């Protein structure tokens, strides 16, 4: 997949190439050689600068290099602490460094199915979209493999004549091929019903970004629901974190340091080595890493913030800021109709 990513990023040709590894055993040889095979999977299209991608659009992820298909869009508010803002009370029109209060800007993201053939090559968790069990007393978490959230600018659209363009167990259940349509894969009723049923825990609403020493951290929190017992109510969130190295020198994540504040008045500190059991290296060729985790509070809201301890290849160590983000619960009951309407 690295070869495909390099080919695309340099715009060498207007086609997508699939990389597969094949083991060749040579007769009378004392070693096994791995050969790389390239096969064309489609043609690149011009990325959209205006407008949205439609359901069924085949895509290639600009950063992680996997193939996927757009299911539906989300409109999220992005809080980017790197964007300069006008100083309050200033009339001269000059822009300063980021103010304490960051204003959100609306931006389009997409729910995407990932081709399972590419999952072994992705530096991101492919089971990152999780949800709570249906039973009110259950604290079990369930995952839907091969789902991701992709920003509009990270999409490289492509087309193919293949009817089975993607390998994912939900592809044929959600989409059907129509030769005369563009894109030729259109939503089935099962996709619309699935989106409506699971909207509360799928919905993407806020995105937070901040860069320290050329390491950009993006955080997307999701409210998952509440589980009540006879004595307590526990509120659950998942959060997706992406780290991307925007510089030239390799950097390794060594430690994490979290501060978690609950509306109940508690402040918890969490420290540990790496993230999800790894200490990923962000290099020039593999600049990004993405993972998801969970947090629960005995209060309907709270805040999280923290730092990642990073170590550069020249030995320089620094704390990379994790942008603060809110943990907000949502009503799980349908809205009551207005009696006056």
Protein backbone atom coordinates (compact mmCIF):
# COMPACT_ATOMS: atom_id res chain seq x y z
CA UNK A 1 0.00 0.00 0.00
CA UNK A 2 2.95 2.34 0.57
CA UNK A 3 3.82 2.10 -3.12
CA UNK A 4 0.26 3.04 -4.08
CA UNK A 5 0.30 6.02 -1.73
CA UNK A 6 3.58 7.29 -3.17
CA UNK A 7 2.31 6.93 -6.73
CA UNK A 8 -0.85 8.86 -5.92
CA UNK A 9 0.79 11.61 -3.91
CA UNK A 10 3.20 12.34 -6.76
CA UNK A 11 0.44 12.19 -9.40
CA UNK A 12 2.55 9.97 -11.65
CA UNK A 13 -0.43 8.50 -13.46
CA UNK A 14 -4.20 8.69 -13.65
CA UNK A 15 -4.85 5.18 -12.38
CA UNK A 16 -4.97 3.32 -9.09
CA UNK A 17 -2.73 0.35 -8.50
CA UNK A 18 -3.41 -2.44 -6.05
CA UNK A 19 -0.37 -3.86 -4.31
CA UNK A 20 -0.40 -7.51 -3.31
CA UNK A 21 2.34 -9.66 -1.86
CA UNK A 22 2.94 -13.11 -3.29
CA UNK A 23 5.35 -15.65 -1.87
CA UNK A 24 7.47 -17.40 -4.51
CA UNK A 25 9.36 -20.57 -3.61
CA UNK A 26 12.28 -21.14 -5.97
CA UNK A 27 13.32 -24.75 -6.75
CA UNK A 28 16.60 -25.84 -5.18
CA UNK A 29 16.80 -22.51 -3.35
CA UNK A 30 17.46 -22.07 0.33
CA UNK A 31 15.38 -18.88 0.65
CA UNK A 32 11.92 -17.52 -0.05
CA UNK A 33 11.52 -14.29 -1.98
CA UNK A 34 8.53 -11.95 -1.72
CA UNK A 35 7.42 -10.39 -5.00
CA UNK A 36 5.22 -7.31 -5.40
CA UNK A 37 2.43 -7.44 -7.97
CA UNK A 38 0.64 -4.35 -9.27
CA UNK A 39 -2.79 -4.45 -10.87
CA UNK A 40 -5.01 -1.59 -11.98
CA UNK A 41 -8.15 -1.09 -9.90
CA UNK A 42 -9.60 2.09 -11.41
CA UNK A 43 -9.06 5.63 -12.67
CA UNK A 44 -8.55 8.70 -10.54
CA UNK A 45 -11.08 11.50 -10.78
CA UNK A 46 -10.58 15.19 -10.04
CA UNK A 47 -11.15 15.92 -6.33
CA UNK A 48 -14.08 18.24 -5.64
CA UNK A 49 -13.23 21.71 -4.44
CA UNK A 50 -16.92 22.63 -4.29
CA UNK A 51 -19.91 20.50 -3.35
CA UNK A 52 -20.12 17.10 -1.68
CA UNK A 53 -19.37 13.56 -2.74
CA UNK A 54 -22.41 11.38 -3.32
CA UNK A 55 -23.32 8.10 -1.65
CA UNK A 56 -21.57 5.30 -3.54
CA UNK A 57 -18.50 7.33 -4.52
CA UNK A 58 -15.39 5.14 -4.51
CA UNK A 59 -12.52 6.81 -2.71
CA UNK A 60 -8.88 6.45 -1.86
CA UNK A 61 -7.77 7.89 1.51
CA UNK A 62 -5.15 10.59 0.95
CA UNK A 63 -3.26 9.85 4.19
CA UNK A 64 -3.88 6.18 5.06
CA UNK A 65 -4.01 4.90 1.49
CA UNK A 66 -6.98 2.54 1.72
CA UNK A 67 -9.84 2.06 -0.74
CA UNK A 68 -13.35 2.82 0.45
CA UNK A 69 -16.83 3.95 -0.50
CA UNK A 70 -18.87 6.91 0.76
CA UNK A 71 -22.03 5.95 2.66
CA UNK A 72 -23.29 9.41 3.68
CA UNK A 73 -21.96 12.83 4.75
CA UNK A 74 -21.79 14.47 8.18
CA UNK A 75 -21.62 18.21 8.78
CA UNK A 76 -19.32 18.87 11.75
CA UNK A 77 -18.09 21.95 13.57
CA UNK A 78 -14.27 22.05 13.50
CA UNK A 79 -12.42 23.86 16.31
CA UNK A 80 -8.93 24.44 14.92
CA UNK A 81 -6.53 26.06 17.39
CA UNK A 82 -3.98 26.61 14.62
CA UNK A 83 -6.21 29.02 12.70
CA UNK A 84 -5.37 32.68 13.51
CA UNK A 85 -8.24 34.68 14.92
CA UNK A 86 -8.96 38.36 15.30
CA UNK A 87 -8.12 39.81 18.69
CA UNK A 88 -11.25 40.86 20.54
CA UNK A 89 -11.79 44.60 20.48
CA UNK A 90 -9.27 45.11 17.67
CA UNK A 91 -10.39 47.37 14.85
CA UNK A 92 -7.20 47.34 12.80
CA UNK A 93 -8.03 44.04 11.12
CA UNK A 94 -4.77 42.44 12.22
CA UNK A 95 -4.74 38.77 13.10
CA UNK A 96 -2.92 37.39 16.10
CA UNK A 97 -2.11 33.96 17.42
CA UNK A 98 -4.98 31.69 18.37
CA UNK A 99 -7.23 33.18 21.02
CA UNK A 100 -8.39 31.22 24.06
CA UNK A 101 -11.90 30.94 22.67
CA UNK A 102 -11.80 29.01 19.41
CA UNK A 103 -14.70 29.50 17.04
CA UNK A 104 -15.90 26.45 15.18
CA UNK A 105 -16.22 26.31 11.41
CA UNK A 106 -18.59 23.96 9.61
CA UNK A 107 -16.90 21.25 7.55
CA UNK A 108 -17.99 18.11 5.70
CA UNK A 109 -16.90 14.62 6.75
CA UNK A 110 -18.01 11.28 5.32
CA UNK A 111 -18.95 7.91 6.77
CA UNK A 112 -16.87 5.45 4.76
CA UNK A 113 -16.69 1.67 4.37
CA UNK A 114 -13.10 0.40 4.15
CA UNK A 115 -12.08 -2.33 1.72
CA UNK A 116 -11.14 -5.28 3.93
CA UNK A 117 -8.26 -6.20 1.60
CA UNK A 118 -6.49 -3.01 2.67
CA UNK A 119 -7.04 -3.34 6.43
CA UNK A 120 -3.69 -5.10 7.16
CA UNK A 121 -1.82 -2.11 5.70
CA UNK A 122 -3.62 0.72 7.51
CA UNK A 123 -2.01 2.54 10.45
CA UNK A 124 -5.43 3.05 11.98
CA UNK A 125 -7.79 0.86 13.96
CA UNK A 126 -10.32 -0.67 11.59
CA UNK A 127 -12.69 -1.55 14.46
CA UNK A 128 -12.81 1.97 15.87
CA UNK A 129 -16.58 2.52 15.55
CA UNK A 130 -18.13 0.98 18.66
CA UNK A 131 -21.52 1.07 20.38
CA UNK A 132 -23.19 -0.13 23.57
CA UNK A 133 -25.31 -3.25 23.77
CA UNK A 134 -29.09 -2.96 23.54
CA UNK A 135 -29.74 -4.03 27.12
CA UNK A 136 -29.96 -1.12 29.53
CA UNK A 137 -27.89 -2.94 32.15
CA UNK A 138 -25.24 -4.11 29.67
CA UNK A 139 -21.81 -2.48 29.66
CA UNK A 140 -20.59 -4.53 26.71
CA UNK A 141 -19.08 -2.69 23.75
CA UNK A 142 -19.61 -3.90 20.20
CA UNK A 143 -17.64 -2.90 17.11
CA UNK A 144 -18.49 -2.57 13.42
CA UNK A 145 -15.29 -3.41 11.50
CA UNK A 146 -14.21 -1.32 8.55
CA UNK A 147 -15.96 2.00 9.25
CA UNK A 148 -14.19 5.36 9.25
CA UNK A 149 -14.84 9.11 9.24
CA UNK A 150 -13.01 10.96 6.46
CA UNK A 151 -12.62 14.71 5.98
CA UNK A 152 -13.54 16.12 2.57
CA UNK A 153 -9.95 17.12 1.78
CA UNK A 154 -8.67 13.59 2.53
CA UNK A 155 -10.73 12.04 -0.26
CA UNK A 156 -9.28 11.07 -3.64
CA UNK A 157 -12.22 9.90 -5.78
CA UNK A 158 -11.86 7.17 -8.37
CA UNK A 159 -14.06 5.12 -10.69
CA UNK A 160 -14.06 1.53 -11.90
CA UNK A 161 -16.12 -0.75 -14.12
CA UNK A 162 -16.07 -3.52 -11.52
CA UNK A 163 -19.49 -4.32 -10.03
CA UNK A 164 -17.84 -5.82 -6.94
CA UNK A 165 -15.52 -2.86 -6.49
CA UNK A 166 -15.14 -3.24 -2.72
CA UNK A 167 -14.80 -6.16 -0.35
CA UNK A 168 -16.81 -5.58 2.83
CA UNK A 169 -19.63 -7.63 4.30
CA UNK A 170 -21.95 -4.60 4.30
CA UNK A 171 -21.16 -3.39 0.76
CA UNK A 172 -23.84 -5.45 -1.03
CA UNK A 173 -26.33 -4.91 1.79
CA UNK A 174 -26.03 -1.11 1.64
CA UNK A 175 -25.37 -0.41 -2.05
CA UNK A 176 -26.55 -1.74 -5.39
CA UNK A 177 -24.90 -1.35 -8.80
CA UNK A 178 -26.64 0.73 -11.50
CA UNK A 179 -24.65 1.11 -14.70
CA UNK A 180 -26.39 4.33 -15.79
CA UNK A 181 -25.80 6.21 -12.53
CA UNK A 182 -22.80 8.32 -11.54
CA UNK A 183 -21.48 7.09 -9.21
CA UNK A 184 -22.90 3.69 -10.23
CA UNK A 185 -23.49 2.47 -6.65
CA UNK A 186 -26.72 3.77 -5.09
CA UNK A 187 -28.12 3.42 -1.58
CA UNK A 188 -30.51 0.61 -0.77
CA UNK A 189 -33.29 1.01 1.78
CA UNK A 190 -31.21 -1.03 4.25
CA UNK A 191 -28.57 1.74 4.33
CA UNK A 192 -31.16 4.45 5.01
CA UNK A 193 -32.78 2.35 7.74
CA UNK A 194 -29.38 1.56 9.30
CA UNK A 195 -28.38 5.24 9.31
CA UNK A 196 -31.67 6.28 10.92
CA UNK A 197 -31.55 3.56 13.59
CA UNK A 198 -27.91 4.12 14.57
CA UNK A 199 -27.77 7.89 14.06
CA UNK A 200 -27.38 8.77 17.80
CA UNK A 201 -24.04 6.99 18.27
CA UNK A 202 -22.77 7.39 14.69
CA UNK A 203 -23.28 11.15 14.51
CA UNK A 204 -20.18 13.28 14.19
CA UNK A 205 -20.72 16.82 15.49
CA UNK A 206 -17.45 18.33 16.83
CA UNK A 207 -13.82 18.03 15.70
CA UNK A 208 -10.85 19.53 17.58
CA UNK A 209 -7.36 20.20 16.14
CA UNK A 210 -4.06 21.54 17.45
CA UNK A 211 -0.42 21.39 16.29
CA UNK A 212 2.71 21.30 18.45
CA UNK A 213 6.23 21.09 16.96
CA UNK A 214 4.80 19.95 13.58
CA UNK A 215 2.68 17.20 15.17
CA UNK A 216 -0.99 17.77 14.48
CA UNK A 217 -3.50 16.10 16.82
CA UNK A 218 -7.14 15.73 15.76
CA UNK A 219 -9.79 14.57 18.25
CA UNK A 220 -13.37 13.53 17.45
CA UNK A 221 -15.58 12.66 20.46
CA UNK A 222 -18.81 10.65 20.20
CA UNK A 223 -21.52 10.19 22.83
CA UNK A 224 -22.50 6.51 23.06
CA UNK A 225 -25.26 6.46 25.67
CA UNK A 226 -26.06 5.96 29.33
CA UNK A 227 -26.30 2.79 31.38
CA UNK A 228 -28.23 2.98 34.64
CA UNK A 229 -28.25 0.74 37.68
CA UNK A 230 -30.24 1.04 40.90
CA UNK A 231 -27.67 3.41 42.40
CA UNK A 232 -25.73 5.08 39.58
CA UNK A 233 -25.89 6.25 35.98
CA UNK A 234 -22.79 5.80 33.82
CA UNK A 235 -22.36 7.90 30.66
CA UNK A 236 -20.11 6.59 27.87
CA UNK A 237 -18.13 8.30 25.10
CA UNK A 238 -15.66 7.09 22.53
CA UNK A 239 -13.04 9.38 21.04
CA UNK A 240 -10.99 9.01 17.90
CA UNK A 241 -7.48 10.51 17.80
CA UNK A 242 -5.31 11.04 14.76
CA UNK A 243 -1.67 12.11 14.97
CA UNK A 244 0.06 13.40 11.86
CA UNK A 245 3.69 14.45 11.42
CA UNK A 246 3.82 17.58 9.25
CA UNK A 247 7.61 17.89 9.50
CA UNK A 248 10.61 16.10 7.99
CA UNK A 249 12.08 14.39 11.06
CA UNK A 250 10.68 11.13 12.46
CA UNK A 251 8.95 11.38 15.84
CA UNK A 252 7.88 8.60 18.23
CA UNK A 253 5.04 8.75 20.74
CA UNK A 254 6.36 7.62 24.13
CA UNK A 255 3.77 8.51 26.78
CA UNK A 256 0.25 9.83 27.23
CA UNK A 257 -1.00 12.15 29.97
CA UNK A 258 -4.74 12.76 30.30
CA UNK A 259 -6.80 15.02 32.56
CA UNK A 260 -10.50 14.10 32.78
CA UNK A 261 -12.93 16.46 34.50
CA UNK A 262 -16.45 15.37 35.36
CA UNK A 263 -19.43 17.63 36.04
CA UNK A 264 -19.76 15.75 39.33
CA UNK A 265 -16.64 17.63 40.46
CA UNK A 266 -13.98 14.94 40.07
CA UNK A 267 -10.67 15.45 38.24
CA UNK A 268 -8.84 12.30 37.17
CA UNK A 269 -5.26 12.01 35.91
CA UNK A 270 -4.23 9.14 33.63
CA UNK A 271 -0.62 8.45 32.64
CA UNK A 272 0.86 5.56 30.70
CA UNK A 273 3.25 4.32 28.06
CA UNK A 274 2.18 4.79 24.45
CA UNK A 275 -1.40 4.44 23.24
CA UNK A 276 -3.47 1.25 22.73
CA UNK A 277 -0.37 -0.82 23.50
CA UNK A 278 1.80 0.88 20.87
CA UNK A 279 4.47 3.58 20.65
CA UNK A 280 3.97 4.57 17.00
CA UNK A 281 6.68 6.24 14.93
CA UNK A 282 5.51 9.07 12.66
CA UNK A 283 7.95 9.30 9.76
CA UNK A 284 8.15 11.01 6.38
CA UNK A 285 6.85 7.90 4.59
CA UNK A 286 4.33 6.86 7.30
CA UNK A 287 3.33 10.21 8.82
CA UNK A 288 0.01 9.34 10.49
CA UNK A 289 -1.47 7.08 13.14
CA UNK A 290 -5.10 6.85 14.25
CA UNK A 291 -6.74 5.08 17.18
CA UNK A 292 -9.90 5.11 19.30
CA UNK A 293 -10.57 4.72 23.00
CA UNK A 294 -13.40 5.14 25.51
CA UNK A 295 -14.19 7.07 28.67
CA UNK A 296 -17.08 6.85 31.12
CA UNK A 297 -18.31 9.37 33.71
CA UNK A 298 -20.91 9.29 36.45
CA UNK A 299 -22.15 12.66 35.19
CA UNK A 300 -23.84 13.76 31.94
CA UNK A 301 -20.92 15.94 30.84
CA UNK A 302 -17.26 16.73 31.36
CA UNK A 303 -14.02 17.75 29.65
CA UNK A 304 -10.79 16.04 28.57
CA UNK A 305 -7.39 17.44 27.67
CA UNK A 306 -3.76 16.38 27.93
CA UNK A 307 -0.42 15.81 26.21
CA UNK A 308 1.55 13.18 24.36
CA UNK A 309 5.24 12.89 25.20
CA UNK A 310 7.05 12.76 21.86
CA UNK A 311 10.68 11.95 21.05
CA UNK A 312 12.27 13.14 17.81
CA UNK A 313 14.93 11.14 15.94
CA UNK A 314 17.61 13.63 17.05
CA UNK A 315 16.77 12.92 20.71
CA UNK A 316 14.73 16.08 21.32
CA UNK A 317 11.67 15.37 23.52
CA UNK A 318 8.60 17.57 23.88
CA UNK A 319 4.98 17.53 25.05
CA UNK A 320 2.47 17.60 22.21
CA UNK A 321 -0.81 19.20 23.27
CA UNK A 322 -4.09 17.33 22.93
CA UNK A 323 -6.76 19.97 22.26
CA UNK A 324 -9.36 20.20 25.05
CA UNK A 325 -12.76 18.83 24.12
CA UNK A 326 -16.16 18.53 25.75
CA UNK A 327 -17.93 15.33 26.68
CA UNK A 328 -21.60 16.14 26.22
CA UNK A 329 -24.50 13.72 26.58
CA UNK A 330 -27.59 13.77 24.40
CA UNK A 331 -31.20 13.01 25.13
CA UNK A 332 -31.98 9.40 24.29
CA UNK A 333 -35.72 10.04 24.31
CA UNK A 334 -37.54 11.29 21.19
CA UNK A 335 -38.47 14.99 21.39
CA UNK A 336 -41.91 15.79 22.78
CA UNK A 337 -44.19 17.47 20.19
CA UNK A 338 -44.98 21.10 20.86
CA UNK A 339 -48.57 21.33 22.10
CA UNK A 340 -48.96 24.78 20.51
CA UNK A 341 -47.96 23.68 17.04
